[in-house]
């Protein structure tokens, strides 16, 4: 059964520096990318968005996340996909 697309649009703010929001540290969450200062994995944020939650809802569901953290998670995932597909910088 096809999955319905979320009914919202994420407008990414290019002024949000990903490195200030996302961290990769072997001592935290087994080195998986997470929101800086938390143990909330980027994959958890992306899964919540894929399930149809808005960025504001995700930020509210996982305090102390901000909508900027949610946007940074999406930008991080986008950058990873660009590199995997050979379009990375």
C-alpha atoms as a PDB file:
ATOM      1  CA  UNK A   1       0.000   0.000   0.000  1.00  0.00           C
ATOM      2  CA  UNK A   2       1.513   3.384  -0.960  1.00  0.00           C
ATOM      3  CA  UNK A   3       2.360   5.778   1.828  1.00  0.00           C
ATOM      4  CA  UNK A   4       0.605   9.134   1.681  1.00  0.00           C
ATOM      5  CA  UNK A   5       2.883  12.134   1.387  1.00  0.00           C
ATOM      6  CA  UNK A   6       2.915  14.558   4.328  1.00  0.00           C
ATOM      7  CA  UNK A   7       0.465  17.417   3.951  1.00  0.00           C
ATOM      8  CA  UNK A   8       2.933  20.185   4.747  1.00  0.00           C
ATOM      9  CA  UNK A   9       5.998  21.793   3.248  1.00  0.00           C
ATOM     10  CA  UNK A  10       9.313  22.209   4.992  1.00  0.00           C
ATOM     11  CA  UNK A  11      10.871  25.515   4.064  1.00  0.00           C
ATOM     12  CA  UNK A  12      14.554  25.186   4.804  1.00  0.00           C
ATOM     13  CA  UNK A  13      16.340  28.250   6.071  1.00  0.00           C
ATOM     14  CA  UNK A  14      19.760  28.343   4.381  1.00  0.00           C
ATOM     15  CA  UNK A  15      21.043  30.472   7.250  1.00  0.00           C
ATOM     16  CA  UNK A  16      20.800  27.591   9.732  1.00  0.00           C
ATOM     17  CA  UNK A  17      24.289  26.057   9.922  1.00  0.00           C
ATOM     18  CA  UNK A  18      23.916  22.291  10.195  1.00  0.00           C
ATOM     19  CA  UNK A  19      27.142  21.871  12.166  1.00  0.00           C
ATOM     20  CA  UNK A  20      25.723  23.973  14.995  1.00  0.00           C
ATOM     21  CA  UNK A  21      22.750  21.609  15.342  1.00  0.00           C
ATOM     22  CA  UNK A  22      23.978  18.128  14.414  1.00  0.00           C
ATOM     23  CA  UNK A  23      26.807  16.214  16.044  1.00  0.00           C
ATOM     24  CA  UNK A  24      28.593  12.949  15.461  1.00  0.00           C
ATOM     25  CA  UNK A  25      30.409  11.760  18.582  1.00  0.00           C
ATOM     26  CA  UNK A  26      31.396   8.130  19.202  1.00  0.00           C
ATOM     27  CA  UNK A  27      30.643   8.668  22.905  1.00  0.00           C
ATOM     28  CA  UNK A  28      27.038   9.754  22.224  1.00  0.00           C
ATOM     29  CA  UNK A  29      24.410   7.488  20.642  1.00  0.00           C
ATOM     30  CA  UNK A  30      27.121   5.135  19.346  1.00  0.00           C
ATOM     31  CA  UNK A  31      28.341   7.832  16.965  1.00  0.00           C
ATOM     32  CA  UNK A  32      25.048   8.134  15.107  1.00  0.00           C
ATOM     33  CA  UNK A  33      24.090  11.672  14.061  1.00  0.00           C
ATOM     34  CA  UNK A  34      21.994  13.374  16.701  1.00  0.00           C
ATOM     35  CA  UNK A  35      20.815  16.828  17.657  1.00  0.00           C
ATOM     36  CA  UNK A  36      23.632  18.629  19.495  1.00  0.00           C
ATOM     37  CA  UNK A  37      23.177  18.640  23.261  1.00  0.00           C
ATOM     38  CA  UNK A  38      20.577  15.856  23.163  1.00  0.00           C
ATOM     39  CA  UNK A  39      20.350  12.153  22.466  1.00  0.00           C
ATOM     40  CA  UNK A  40      17.649  12.643  19.845  1.00  0.00           C
ATOM     41  CA  UNK A  41      18.813  10.917  16.677  1.00  0.00           C
ATOM     42  CA  UNK A  42      18.493  12.625  13.305  1.00  0.00           C
ATOM     43  CA  UNK A  43      16.750   9.454  12.109  1.00  0.00           C
ATOM     44  CA  UNK A  44      14.065   9.877  14.802  1.00  0.00           C
ATOM     45  CA  UNK A  45      13.403  13.428  13.601  1.00  0.00           C
ATOM     46  CA  UNK A  46      13.208  12.268   9.968  1.00  0.00           C
ATOM     47  CA  UNK A  47      10.921   9.361  10.862  1.00  0.00           C
ATOM     48  CA  UNK A  48       8.552  11.740  12.672  1.00  0.00           C
ATOM     49  CA  UNK A  49       8.448  14.035   9.633  1.00  0.00           C
ATOM     50  CA  UNK A  50       7.878  11.058   7.333  1.00  0.00           C
ATOM     51  CA  UNK A  51       4.976  10.015   9.554  1.00  0.00           C
ATOM     52  CA  UNK A  52       3.310  13.348   8.836  1.00  0.00           C
ATOM     53  CA  UNK A  53       4.292  15.431  11.849  1.00  0.00           C
ATOM     54  CA  UNK A  54       5.063  19.072  11.188  1.00  0.00           C
ATOM     55  CA  UNK A  55       8.431  20.520  12.204  1.00  0.00           C
ATOM     56  CA  UNK A  56       6.689  22.405  15.014  1.00  0.00           C
ATOM     57  CA  UNK A  57       5.113  19.173  16.283  1.00  0.00           C
ATOM     58  CA  UNK A  58       8.463  17.363  16.212  1.00  0.00           C
ATOM     59  CA  UNK A  59      10.108  20.190  18.142  1.00  0.00           C
ATOM     60  CA  UNK A  60       7.277  20.105  20.666  1.00  0.00           C
ATOM     61  CA  UNK A  61       7.392  16.308  21.014  1.00  0.00           C
ATOM     62  CA  UNK A  62      11.144  16.265  21.693  1.00  0.00           C
ATOM     63  CA  UNK A  63      12.062  19.106  24.012  1.00  0.00           C
ATOM     64  CA  UNK A  64      14.455  20.940  23.932  1.00  0.00           C
ATOM     65  CA  UNK A  65      14.480  20.655  20.108  1.00  0.00           C
ATOM     66  CA  UNK A  66      13.743  23.748  18.079  1.00  0.00           C
ATOM     67  CA  UNK A  67      12.342  24.021  14.593  1.00  0.00           C
ATOM     68  CA  UNK A  68      15.876  25.032  13.586  1.00  0.00           C
ATOM     69  CA  UNK A  69      17.106  21.652  14.856  1.00  0.00           C
ATOM     70  CA  UNK A  70      14.450  19.914  12.752  1.00  0.00           C
ATOM     71  CA  UNK A  71      15.456  21.896   9.674  1.00  0.00           C
ATOM     72  CA  UNK A  72      19.111  21.085  10.304  1.00  0.00           C
ATOM     73  CA  UNK A  73      18.248  17.368  10.463  1.00  0.00           C
ATOM     74  CA  UNK A  74      16.591  17.581   7.048  1.00  0.00           C
ATOM     75  CA  UNK A  75      19.508  19.559   5.603  1.00  0.00           C
ATOM     76  CA  UNK A  76      21.956  17.002   7.064  1.00  0.00           C
ATOM     77  CA  UNK A  77      20.054  14.119   5.454  1.00  0.00           C
ATOM     78  CA  UNK A  78      19.950  16.005   2.161  1.00  0.00           C
ATOM     79  CA  UNK A  79      23.712  16.567   2.255  1.00  0.00           C
ATOM     80  CA  UNK A  80      24.305  12.863   2.931  1.00  0.00           C
ATOM     81  CA  UNK A  81      22.119  11.901  -0.027  1.00  0.00           C
ATOM     82  CA  UNK A  82      23.954  14.335  -2.298  1.00  0.00           C
ATOM     83  CA  UNK A  83      27.254  12.696  -1.360  1.00  0.00           C
ATOM     84  CA  UNK A  84      25.870   9.179  -1.818  1.00  0.00           C
ATOM     85  CA  UNK A  85      24.555  10.128  -5.252  1.00  0.00           C
ATOM     86  CA  UNK A  86      27.855  11.710  -6.242  1.00  0.00           C
ATOM     87  CA  UNK A  87      26.592  15.284  -6.207  1.00  0.00           C
ATOM     88  CA  UNK A  88      28.237  16.226  -2.910  1.00  0.00           C
ATOM     89  CA  UNK A  89      30.500  19.137  -2.304  1.00  0.00           C
END
